[in-house]
Amino acid sequence: MISEFLSDIVEQEKAKAILTRIYQSRRVPHAFLFSGKDGIGKFNTAIQFAKLLNTGEEQSDFNTELNAKISSLNEPYIKLIMPLPRGKGEGGDDSAFDKLSKEIIENVTQEIKKKAANPYHKISIEDANTIKISSIREVKKFVSVQLDDVKFRVVIILDAHLMNDQAQNALLKNLEEPPEGIIFILITSNKEKLLHTIQSRCWTINFEPLSEASVTSIMKKYFLADDAVASKVAHFADGSVTDALSLTVSEFDSILEKTISILRFSLAKRYNSAYKELYNFLKDNSNDSITMLVRMIKTWTRDVAKNKSNIENYYFENYTDTLFKFNSRFSEVDITKLFSTLDSLDENYSKKVNLNVLSLNLIFEISSVSIGNEKVFRNDIDQQVIDNFQNKLSTSSEIIPVDNLFTRMVVRNISERHHNVSSCISCSWNTCDRLLTEDRTIVEISCKGLLPCNFSEVPPVEKNLELFPEDFIIVQHDEAYEIAQVKL
């Protein structure tokens, strides 16, 4: 009988082994904490375990009708608690649904039906960001109902980390004095947000990301996804059906293209262009799209590591040129450092760090990867090439598109004398910008009769760059570089 229920749980062998031992011991804890990222089967496991708890060892103990009620999330067999919006004029004495509109209640009902039919469905209710104390109070009413045809009834709390402080404290009282025959299963992707006192009263079971094959299979079975599409997005889903689904509803090929574009601009230190690409990407996608982008960049770094080790089968199979170019130009870079940084940025997003700050950090961290290799390339540049380019700079008023690394090299060679630039201050850029030097002298860089300056930010200026009156410097535009002259 055990295998019959647990066979419906995809992978999660460690979790199934723990639950099997608990079931066989007949010493069932009154509260569980199912922890792990969204879309890996925590809810499905909770439902299957609820069925198992109400089934004996023999085939004759199988109760088809009861199992159907559990699968359908019917009260009073299953109590499902989830984030809900706050109703208009809702007060402390109102129940969770009292002040909700008929439209919202209908939406909640439909979402629960979808969840019952598809355990991997992500419930979506507008403005439902918090589990209210009124929802937890309803547990008391649920417990008061007495049933003879069920051994254990289960309270499932979805996104348990979204309980507010009052709700968590109310739940704690239930956990401290657990009602007989009631099992609490808290499901969360961020258990750190739960009170330690709640965590200590729960049996924690950690769930692992699914394999690509399993993500693909679930996408086809539960979401009727095309085989090719399911396989493609599974590469980038990081073991989560929820993440895979979010990729299918987006323009996936466009996301790949945007990812590569942001990487290219960032590595070239074209900050304004990189930020524009990132801003447009976030504007056109959901609030969680920054995590999607970080995940895509992390996947690209894995491909870089594979390419460096001569391992094929890349996720970014249509952009392999970027992998070869990166490893050719930045052969000494430790890509694992960037991967670790991306992990930290992902974690900061979960902590609700300002999105603009996070976006800029993402760009700057990617761009910093190339710093360690600049000297290698500088030494490889032929001095005659530099001299010729300097001559062209001194006489030309054209826009000269050049490689960014080479540009920084040339600027250093042009300006080898005074005024160590340590930081930048911005002005209107109608005609010029000002650089604040180490000795507090204001250096003015004005354009030499070229395109109007309409920059929204100061173009990147290398720290410790030495400037001298009448030297020429290259000012970076989105798609090219403009010659400007230094004036004190």
Protein backbone atom coordinates (compact mmCIF):
# COMPACT_ATOMS: atom_id res chain seq x y z
CA MET A 1 0.00 0.00 0.00
CA ILE A 2 2.87 2.38 0.75
CA SER A 3 4.38 2.07 -2.70
CA GLU A 4 0.99 2.66 -4.33
CA PHE A 5 0.72 6.13 -2.83
CA LEU A 6 4.36 7.15 -2.96
CA SER A 7 4.68 6.08 -6.59
CA ASP A 8 2.64 9.17 -7.49
CA ILE A 9 5.40 11.36 -6.04
CA VAL A 10 8.00 12.23 -8.68
CA GLU A 11 11.57 11.64 -7.44
CA GLN A 12 12.15 13.03 -3.89
CA GLU A 13 13.51 9.68 -2.71
CA LYS A 14 14.89 11.07 0.55
CA ALA A 15 11.59 12.66 1.47
CA LYS A 16 9.69 9.47 0.62
CA ALA A 17 12.07 7.37 2.70
CA ILE A 18 11.55 9.61 5.77
CA LEU A 19 7.77 9.60 5.39
CA THR A 20 7.75 5.83 4.93
CA ARG A 21 9.65 5.31 8.18
CA ILE A 22 7.29 7.66 10.01
CA TYR A 23 4.22 5.86 8.64
CA GLN A 24 5.58 2.44 9.56
CA SER A 25 6.48 3.57 13.07
CA ARG A 26 2.89 4.76 13.65
CA ARG A 27 4.39 7.64 15.62
CA VAL A 28 3.33 10.50 13.41
CA PRO A 29 4.50 14.03 14.35
CA HIS A 30 1.70 16.55 14.62
CA ALA A 31 3.48 19.06 12.34
CA PHE A 32 5.72 18.90 9.26
CA LEU A 33 7.67 21.56 7.41
CA PHE A 34 8.13 20.74 3.71
CA SER A 35 10.95 22.99 2.56
CA GLY A 36 12.28 23.59 -0.94
CA LYS A 37 11.82 25.75 -4.00
CA ASP A 38 8.45 26.06 -5.71
CA GLY A 39 7.35 23.51 -8.29
CA ILE A 40 9.20 20.41 -7.10
CA GLY A 41 6.32 18.39 -5.63
CA LYS A 42 5.93 19.44 -2.00
CA PHE A 43 2.15 19.88 -2.25
CA ASN A 44 1.67 16.61 -4.13
CA THR A 45 3.68 14.82 -1.45
CA ALA A 46 1.47 16.34 1.27
CA ILE A 47 -1.68 15.05 -0.45
CA GLN A 48 -0.29 11.55 -1.02
CA PHE A 49 0.92 11.39 2.59
CA ALA A 50 -2.52 12.44 3.84
CA LYS A 51 -4.01 9.52 1.90
CA LEU A 52 -1.38 7.14 3.21
CA LEU A 53 -1.99 8.13 6.83
CA ASN A 54 -5.65 7.16 6.43
CA THR A 55 -4.93 3.76 4.92
CA GLY A 56 -4.06 0.53 6.71
CA GLU A 57 -1.51 -2.08 5.71
CA GLU A 58 -4.00 -4.33 3.91
CA GLN A 59 -5.60 -3.88 0.52
CA SER A 60 -9.01 -4.08 2.19
CA ASP A 61 -8.17 -0.89 4.07
CA PHE A 62 -8.09 1.12 0.83
CA ASN A 63 -10.83 3.74 0.93
CA THR A 64 -11.47 5.05 -2.58
CA GLU A 65 -14.15 7.52 -1.53
CA LEU A 66 -12.01 9.05 1.22
CA ASN A 67 -8.99 9.34 -1.07
CA ALA A 68 -11.13 11.14 -3.64
CA LYS A 69 -12.24 13.64 -0.98
CA ILE A 70 -8.63 14.25 0.06
CA SER A 71 -7.56 14.71 -3.58
CA SER A 72 -10.40 17.19 -4.10
CA LEU A 73 -9.24 19.19 -1.06
CA ASN A 74 -12.65 18.79 0.54
CA GLU A 75 -13.23 20.11 4.03
CA PRO A 76 -13.38 18.85 6.72
CA TYR A 77 -10.84 16.27 5.48
CA ILE A 78 -8.32 18.80 4.18
CA LYS A 79 -8.00 22.40 5.31
CA LEU A 80 -6.11 24.45 2.74
CA ILE A 81 -4.72 27.79 3.95
CA MET A 82 -3.14 30.20 1.48
CA PRO A 83 -2.37 33.89 1.02
CA LEU A 84 -5.51 35.96 0.45
CA PRO A 85 -6.14 39.63 -0.34
CA ARG A 86 -7.50 41.93 2.33
CA GLY A 87 -11.16 42.80 1.85
CA LYS A 88 -12.48 46.33 1.74
CA GLY A 89 -13.11 47.49 5.29
CA GLU A 90 -11.90 44.17 6.71
CA GLY A 91 -11.48 44.24 10.48
CA GLY A 92 -10.00 42.01 13.13
CA ASP A 93 -13.30 40.25 13.83
CA ASP A 94 -13.97 39.35 10.19
CA SER A 95 -13.26 35.92 8.80
CA ALA A 96 -10.80 35.50 5.93
CA PHE A 97 -13.58 35.66 3.31
CA ASP A 98 -16.16 38.00 4.92
CA LYS A 99 -15.11 41.18 3.14
CA LEU A 100 -13.91 39.68 -0.13
CA SER A 101 -15.91 40.44 -3.26
CA LYS A 102 -17.87 37.74 -5.06
CA GLU A 103 -15.37 37.91 -7.95
CA ILE A 104 -12.40 37.26 -5.67
CA ILE A 105 -14.19 34.40 -3.87
CA GLU A 106 -15.03 32.85 -7.24
CA ASN A 107 -11.40 33.24 -8.29
CA VAL A 108 -10.20 31.53 -5.10
CA THR A 109 -12.67 28.67 -5.64
CA GLN A 110 -11.49 28.16 -9.20
CA GLU A 111 -7.82 28.26 -8.20
CA ILE A 112 -8.39 25.60 -5.54
CA LYS A 113 -10.13 23.39 -8.11
CA LYS A 114 -7.16 23.81 -10.44
CA LYS A 115 -4.78 22.92 -7.61
CA ALA A 116 -6.81 19.80 -6.80
CA ALA A 117 -6.72 18.69 -10.44
CA ASN A 118 -3.07 19.61 -10.94
CA PRO A 119 -0.78 19.54 -7.88
CA TYR A 120 1.86 21.54 -9.78
CA HIS A 121 -0.50 24.43 -10.50
CA LYS A 122 0.69 27.66 -8.88
CA ILE A 123 -2.28 29.37 -7.25
CA SER A 124 -2.56 32.96 -8.44
CA ILE A 125 -4.86 35.44 -6.71
CA GLU A 126 -4.48 39.17 -7.24
CA ASP A 127 -3.07 41.07 -4.25
CA ALA A 128 -2.80 37.85 -2.22
CA ASN A 129 0.53 38.55 -0.55
CA THR A 130 -0.12 37.57 3.06
CA ILE A 131 -1.61 34.72 5.07
CA LYS A 132 -3.92 36.54 7.46
CA ILE A 133 -4.49 35.74 11.11
CA SER A 134 -8.17 35.24 10.27
CA SER A 135 -7.20 32.27 8.08
CA ILE A 136 -5.29 30.67 10.96
CA ARG A 137 -8.20 31.26 13.34
CA GLU A 138 -10.39 29.16 11.06
CA VAL A 139 -8.32 26.13 12.08
CA LYS A 140 -10.21 26.15 15.40
CA LYS A 141 -13.51 25.66 13.57
CA PHE A 142 -11.96 22.95 11.40
CA VAL A 143 -10.69 21.08 14.46
CA SER A 144 -14.07 21.23 16.20
CA VAL A 145 -15.70 19.03 13.54
CA GLN A 146 -15.68 15.36 14.56
CA LEU A 147 -15.49 12.63 11.88
CA ASP A 148 -15.59 8.85 12.31
CA ASP A 149 -14.42 7.85 8.83
CA VAL A 150 -10.94 9.39 8.97
CA LYS A 151 -7.94 8.83 11.28
CA PHE A 152 -6.04 11.97 10.44
CA ARG A 153 -7.16 15.26 8.99
CA VAL A 154 -4.56 17.56 7.52
CA VAL A 155 -4.11 21.33 7.58
CA ILE A 156 -1.95 22.35 4.60
CA ILE A 157 -0.50 25.88 4.67
CA LEU A 158 0.76 26.96 1.25
CA ASP A 159 3.55 29.55 1.14
CA ALA A 160 3.74 29.39 4.93
CA HIS A 161 6.52 32.00 4.96
CA LEU A 162 3.90 34.58 3.94
CA MET A 163 2.14 34.39 7.31
CA ASN A 164 2.32 37.75 9.03
CA ASP A 165 3.54 37.98 12.62
CA GLN A 166 0.06 37.72 14.11
CA ALA A 167 -0.74 34.67 11.98
CA GLN A 168 2.52 32.94 12.96
CA ASN A 169 1.89 33.55 16.65
CA ALA A 170 -1.66 32.23 16.31
CA LEU A 171 -0.39 29.11 14.57
CA LEU A 172 2.21 28.63 17.28
CA LYS A 173 -0.54 28.19 19.85
CA ASN A 174 -1.98 25.33 17.78
CA LEU A 175 1.44 23.71 17.49
CA GLU A 176 2.09 24.02 21.22
CA GLU A 177 -1.21 22.30 22.04
CA PRO A 178 -1.76 20.07 19.01
CA PRO A 179 -5.33 18.84 18.54
CA GLU A 180 -5.67 15.06 18.41
CA GLY A 181 -5.94 13.61 14.91
CA ILE A 182 -4.86 16.84 13.22
CA ILE A 183 -1.63 17.03 11.18
CA PHE A 184 -0.18 20.37 10.11
CA ILE A 185 1.93 20.48 6.93
CA LEU A 186 3.61 23.81 6.27
CA ILE A 187 4.86 24.22 2.70
CA THR A 188 7.49 26.87 2.06
CA SER A 189 10.25 27.97 -0.27
CA ASN A 190 11.73 30.27 2.37
CA LYS A 191 11.65 28.67 5.79
CA GLU A 192 14.02 31.31 7.21
CA LYS A 193 11.05 33.69 7.35
CA LEU A 194 9.24 31.43 9.80
CA LEU A 195 9.67 31.88 13.54
CA HIS A 196 12.31 29.60 15.01
CA THR A 197 9.72 28.46 17.52
CA ILE A 198 7.52 27.27 14.66
CA GLN A 199 10.40 25.54 12.90
CA SER A 200 11.43 23.77 16.12
CA ARG A 201 7.93 22.30 16.52
CA CYS A 202 7.84 20.87 13.00
CA TRP A 203 9.53 17.82 11.48
CA THR A 204 11.45 19.44 8.63
CA ILE A 205 11.78 17.56 5.34
CA ASN A 206 13.90 19.13 2.63
CA PHE A 207 12.92 18.63 -0.99
CA GLU A 208 15.36 18.61 -3.89
CA PRO A 209 15.07 20.17 -7.38
CA LEU A 210 13.78 17.74 -10.00
CA SER A 211 15.78 16.36 -12.89
CA GLU A 212 15.32 17.85 -16.35
CA ALA A 213 13.66 14.63 -17.49
CA SER A 214 11.09 14.85 -14.69
CA VAL A 215 10.38 18.53 -15.33
CA THR A 216 9.83 17.70 -19.00
CA SER A 217 7.54 14.78 -18.16
CA ILE A 218 5.42 16.83 -15.73
CA MET A 219 5.13 19.70 -18.18
CA LYS A 220 3.79 17.31 -20.81
CA LYS A 221 1.45 15.43 -18.46
CA TYR A 222 -0.07 18.27 -16.44
CA PHE A 223 0.28 21.26 -18.76
CA LEU A 224 0.06 19.51 -22.15
CA ALA A 225 3.29 21.19 -23.22
CA ASP A 226 4.83 20.34 -26.56
CA ASP A 227 7.69 17.87 -26.21
CA ALA A 228 10.25 20.17 -27.83
CA VAL A 229 9.16 23.20 -25.77
CA ALA A 230 9.09 21.22 -22.52
CA SER A 231 12.59 19.85 -23.11
CA LYS A 232 13.93 23.27 -24.04
CA VAL A 233 12.64 25.15 -20.99
CA ALA A 234 13.56 22.29 -18.64
CA HIS A 235 17.23 23.13 -19.36
CA PHE A 236 16.75 26.50 -17.69
CA ALA A 237 14.17 25.65 -15.02
CA ASP A 238 16.67 24.71 -12.30
CA GLY A 239 14.60 21.66 -11.40
CA SER A 240 11.34 23.56 -10.92
CA VAL A 241 8.11 23.01 -12.84
CA THR A 242 6.98 26.49 -11.75
CA ASP A 243 10.07 28.06 -13.28
CA ALA A 244 9.68 25.99 -16.44
CA LEU A 245 6.08 27.12 -16.79
CA SER A 246 7.06 30.79 -16.36
CA LEU A 247 9.46 30.38 -19.29
CA THR A 248 6.81 28.86 -21.55
CA VAL A 249 4.42 31.77 -21.03
CA SER A 250 7.20 34.23 -21.89
CA GLU A 251 8.84 34.64 -25.28
CA PHE A 252 11.59 32.18 -24.50
CA ASP A 253 13.81 32.85 -27.51
CA SER A 254 13.54 36.56 -26.80
CA ILE A 255 14.64 35.97 -23.20
CA LEU A 256 17.71 34.10 -24.42
CA GLU A 257 18.54 36.93 -26.79
CA LYS A 258 18.09 39.56 -24.07
CA THR A 259 20.31 37.55 -21.72
CA ILE A 260 23.13 37.45 -24.25
CA SER A 261 22.69 41.14 -25.04
CA ILE A 262 22.93 42.14 -21.36
CA LEU A 263 25.99 39.93 -20.94
CA ARG A 264 27.72 41.45 -23.97
CA PHE A 265 27.07 45.04 -22.94
CA SER A 266 28.09 44.37 -19.32
CA LEU A 267 31.31 42.57 -20.22
CA ALA A 268 32.18 45.43 -22.59
CA LYS A 269 31.48 47.88 -19.73
CA ARG A 270 28.82 49.60 -21.80
CA TYR A 271 26.81 50.27 -18.68
CA ASN A 272 24.15 52.56 -20.10
CA SER A 273 23.31 50.11 -22.88
CA ALA A 274 23.29 47.18 -20.46
CA TYR A 275 20.96 49.03 -18.09
CA LYS A 276 18.59 49.95 -20.92
CA GLU A 277 18.38 46.30 -21.99
CA LEU A 278 17.81 45.19 -18.41
CA TYR A 279 15.23 47.90 -17.74
CA ASN A 280 13.24 46.97 -20.86
CA PHE A 281 13.41 43.29 -19.96
CA LEU A 282 12.04 43.92 -16.46
CA LYS A 283 9.37 46.28 -17.78
CA ASP A 284 8.06 43.69 -20.26
CA ASN A 285 7.99 40.77 -17.82
CA SER A 286 6.68 39.88 -14.37
CA ASN A 287 8.00 41.17 -11.06
CA ASP A 288 10.00 37.98 -10.60
CA SER A 289 11.70 38.29 -13.99
CA ILE A 290 14.97 39.45 -12.39
CA THR A 291 15.34 36.01 -10.81
CA MET A 292 14.63 34.45 -14.19
CA LEU A 293 17.38 36.55 -15.77
CA VAL A 294 19.87 35.75 -13.00
CA ARG A 295 19.08 32.07 -13.47
CA MET A 296 19.68 32.37 -17.23
CA ILE A 297 23.04 34.09 -16.67
CA LYS A 298 24.01 31.39 -14.16
CA THR A 299 23.18 28.79 -16.81
CA TRP A 300 25.37 30.66 -19.29
CA THR A 301 28.27 30.60 -16.81
CA ARG A 302 27.84 26.83 -16.54
CA ASP A 303 28.17 26.65 -20.31
CA VAL A 304 31.33 28.77 -20.10
CA ALA A 305 32.79 26.28 -17.62
CA LYS A 306 31.80 23.37 -19.88
CA ASN A 307 33.40 25.03 -22.88
CA LYS A 308 36.60 25.67 -20.95
CA SER A 309 36.76 21.95 -20.10
CA ASN A 310 35.94 20.92 -23.68
CA ILE A 311 32.56 19.55 -22.63
CA GLU A 312 29.74 20.07 -25.11
CA ASN A 313 25.94 19.78 -24.79
CA TYR A 314 25.43 23.47 -24.03
CA TYR A 315 22.20 25.04 -22.82
CA PHE A 316 22.90 28.14 -24.91
CA GLU A 317 23.42 25.98 -27.97
CA ASN A 318 22.54 28.80 -30.38
CA TYR A 319 25.05 31.15 -28.76
CA THR A 320 28.15 28.98 -28.52
CA ASP A 321 30.20 31.75 -30.12
CA THR A 322 29.84 33.77 -26.91
CA LEU A 323 31.34 30.90 -24.91
CA PHE A 324 34.38 30.53 -27.16
CA LYS A 325 34.94 34.30 -27.28
CA PHE A 326 34.71 34.65 -23.51
CA ASN A 327 37.16 31.84 -22.81
CA SER A 328 39.48 33.16 -25.49
CA ARG A 329 39.56 36.70 -24.13
CA PHE A 330 39.28 35.95 -20.42
CA SER A 331 41.07 32.65 -20.07
CA GLU A 332 42.35 33.41 -16.57
CA VAL A 333 38.96 34.38 -15.12
CA ASP A 334 37.55 32.19 -12.35
CA ILE A 335 33.95 31.87 -13.51
CA THR A 336 32.93 30.25 -10.22
CA LYS A 337 33.31 33.64 -8.50
CA LEU A 338 30.71 35.15 -10.81
CA PHE A 339 28.43 32.17 -10.19
CA SER A 340 28.71 32.69 -6.42
CA THR A 341 27.98 36.39 -6.81
CA LEU A 342 24.88 35.60 -8.86
CA ASP A 343 23.71 33.29 -6.07
CA SER A 344 24.07 36.17 -3.61
CA LEU A 345 22.13 38.54 -5.88
CA ASP A 346 19.36 35.95 -6.20
CA GLU A 347 19.23 35.69 -2.42
CA ASN A 348 19.09 39.48 -2.08
CA TYR A 349 16.07 39.61 -4.36
CA SER A 350 14.28 37.19 -2.08
CA LYS A 351 15.02 39.68 0.72
CA LYS A 352 13.29 42.42 -1.32
CA VAL A 353 16.41 44.49 -1.94
CA ASN A 354 15.66 47.52 -4.15
CA LEU A 355 15.27 46.27 -7.73
CA ASN A 356 17.25 49.15 -9.28
CA VAL A 357 20.14 48.53 -6.90
CA LEU A 358 20.02 44.83 -7.67
CA SER A 359 19.96 45.49 -11.42
CA LEU A 360 22.99 47.79 -11.28
CA ASN A 361 24.85 45.31 -9.07
CA LEU A 362 24.15 42.60 -11.61
CA ILE A 363 25.65 44.67 -14.43
CA PHE A 364 28.70 45.78 -12.43
CA GLU A 365 29.44 42.28 -11.15
CA ILE A 366 29.36 40.86 -14.67
CA SER A 367 31.58 43.66 -15.97
CA SER A 368 34.11 43.12 -13.17
CA VAL A 369 34.91 39.65 -14.51
CA SER A 370 37.08 41.09 -17.28
CA ILE A 371 39.26 43.31 -15.08
CA GLY A 372 41.83 40.66 -14.24
CA ASN A 373 42.67 40.03 -17.89
CA GLU A 374 43.17 43.59 -19.13
CA LYS A 375 46.97 43.59 -18.77
CA VAL A 376 47.33 40.47 -20.89
CA PHE A 377 45.64 42.14 -23.83
CA ARG A 378 47.31 45.49 -23.25
CA ASN A 379 50.71 43.91 -23.63
CA ASP A 380 49.64 42.17 -26.80
CA ILE A 381 48.61 45.37 -28.63
CA ASP A 382 51.13 46.52 -31.18
CA GLN A 383 52.52 49.98 -30.33
CA GLN A 384 52.37 51.01 -33.99
CA VAL A 385 48.62 50.35 -33.98
CA ILE A 386 48.27 52.56 -30.92
CA ASP A 387 50.32 55.36 -32.51
CA ASN A 388 48.24 55.25 -35.68
CA PHE A 389 45.04 55.39 -33.70
CA GLN A 390 46.32 58.32 -31.65
CA ASN A 391 47.11 60.22 -34.85
CA LYS A 392 43.61 59.55 -36.11
CA LEU A 393 42.15 60.82 -32.86
CA SER A 394 44.08 64.07 -33.07
CA THR A 395 42.76 64.95 -36.52
CA SER A 396 39.38 63.25 -36.86
CA SER A 397 35.96 64.47 -35.84
CA GLU A 398 34.20 61.26 -36.85
CA ILE A 399 32.67 58.67 -34.58
CA ILE A 400 35.06 55.75 -34.45
CA PRO A 401 33.60 52.45 -33.26
CA VAL A 402 36.33 50.49 -31.51
CA ASP A 403 36.66 47.60 -29.14
CA ASN A 404 36.02 48.73 -25.55
CA LEU A 405 39.09 47.02 -24.09
CA PHE A 406 41.26 48.53 -26.80
CA THR A 407 39.65 51.92 -26.17
CA ARG A 408 40.63 51.90 -22.51
CA MET A 409 44.13 50.92 -23.57
CA VAL A 410 44.38 53.83 -26.00
CA VAL A 411 43.03 56.34 -23.50
CA ARG A 412 45.72 55.34 -21.03
CA ASN A 413 48.42 55.80 -23.65
CA ILE A 414 47.11 59.17 -24.75
CA SER A 415 47.02 60.55 -21.22
CA GLU A 416 50.15 59.68 -19.30
CA ARG A 417 50.74 62.79 -17.26
CA HIS A 418 48.75 64.65 -14.60
CA HIS A 419 45.50 64.74 -12.65
CA ASN A 420 44.60 61.38 -11.29
CA VAL A 421 40.86 60.88 -11.78
CA SER A 422 39.36 59.20 -8.73
CA SER A 423 35.62 59.69 -9.18
CA CYS A 424 32.98 61.30 -11.36
CA ILE A 425 30.31 63.90 -10.80
CA SER A 426 27.54 64.41 -13.30
CA CYS A 427 26.26 67.58 -14.91
CA SER A 428 23.64 68.13 -17.58
CA TRP A 429 25.62 66.69 -20.50
CA ASN A 430 24.15 69.35 -22.76
CA THR A 431 27.66 70.30 -23.76
CA CYS A 432 30.06 68.66 -21.36
CA ASP A 433 30.69 66.62 -18.26
CA ARG A 434 32.98 67.27 -15.34
CA LEU A 435 35.38 64.89 -13.67
CA LEU A 436 36.42 65.44 -10.06
CA THR A 437 40.14 64.83 -9.74
CA GLU A 438 42.11 63.74 -6.73
CA ASP A 439 43.36 67.29 -6.06
CA ARG A 440 39.75 68.59 -6.33
CA THR A 441 40.41 70.19 -9.73
CA ILE A 442 37.42 70.15 -12.05
CA VAL A 443 38.36 68.72 -15.43
CA GLU A 444 35.97 69.59 -18.23
CA ILE A 445 35.59 67.22 -21.14
CA SER A 446 33.80 68.88 -24.04
CA CYS A 447 32.82 67.36 -27.34
CA LYS A 448 34.84 68.32 -30.40
CA GLY A 449 32.02 69.37 -32.69
CA LEU A 450 30.43 65.97 -32.80
CA LEU A 451 26.99 64.57 -32.00
CA PRO A 452 24.98 66.32 -29.23
CA CYS A 453 25.44 64.77 -25.80
CA ASN A 454 22.18 63.46 -24.38
CA PHE A 455 23.54 61.04 -21.84
CA SER A 456 21.39 60.06 -18.89
CA GLU A 457 24.44 59.07 -16.89
CA VAL A 458 28.15 59.71 -16.77
CA PRO A 459 29.93 57.44 -19.23
CA PRO A 460 32.34 55.02 -17.56
CA VAL A 461 35.72 56.57 -16.80
CA GLU A 462 38.57 54.38 -15.72
CA LYS A 463 39.77 55.13 -12.19
CA ASN A 464 43.38 56.34 -11.93
CA LEU A 465 43.20 57.61 -15.52
CA GLU A 466 45.73 60.43 -15.94
CA LEU A 467 44.51 63.42 -17.94
CA PHE A 468 46.45 66.35 -19.37
CA PRO A 469 45.26 69.59 -21.01
CA GLU A 470 44.54 69.24 -24.72
CA ASP A 471 44.69 65.45 -24.58
CA PHE A 472 41.96 63.66 -26.44
CA ILE A 473 39.72 61.17 -24.72
CA ILE A 474 37.11 58.77 -26.05
CA VAL A 475 33.57 59.32 -24.80
CA GLN A 476 31.34 56.27 -25.07
CA HIS A 477 27.95 56.39 -26.79
CA ASP A 478 25.55 53.44 -27.06
CA GLU A 479 26.88 52.12 -30.35
CA ALA A 480 30.12 54.00 -30.89
CA TYR A 481 32.79 56.20 -29.35
CA GLU A 482 33.14 59.94 -29.68
CA ILE A 483 36.33 61.94 -29.53
CA ALA A 484 36.50 64.67 -26.91
CA GLN A 485 39.26 66.98 -25.73
CA VAL A 486 40.35 67.54 -22.15
CA LYS A 487 40.35 71.15 -20.92
CA LEU A 488 41.37 72.37 -17.46
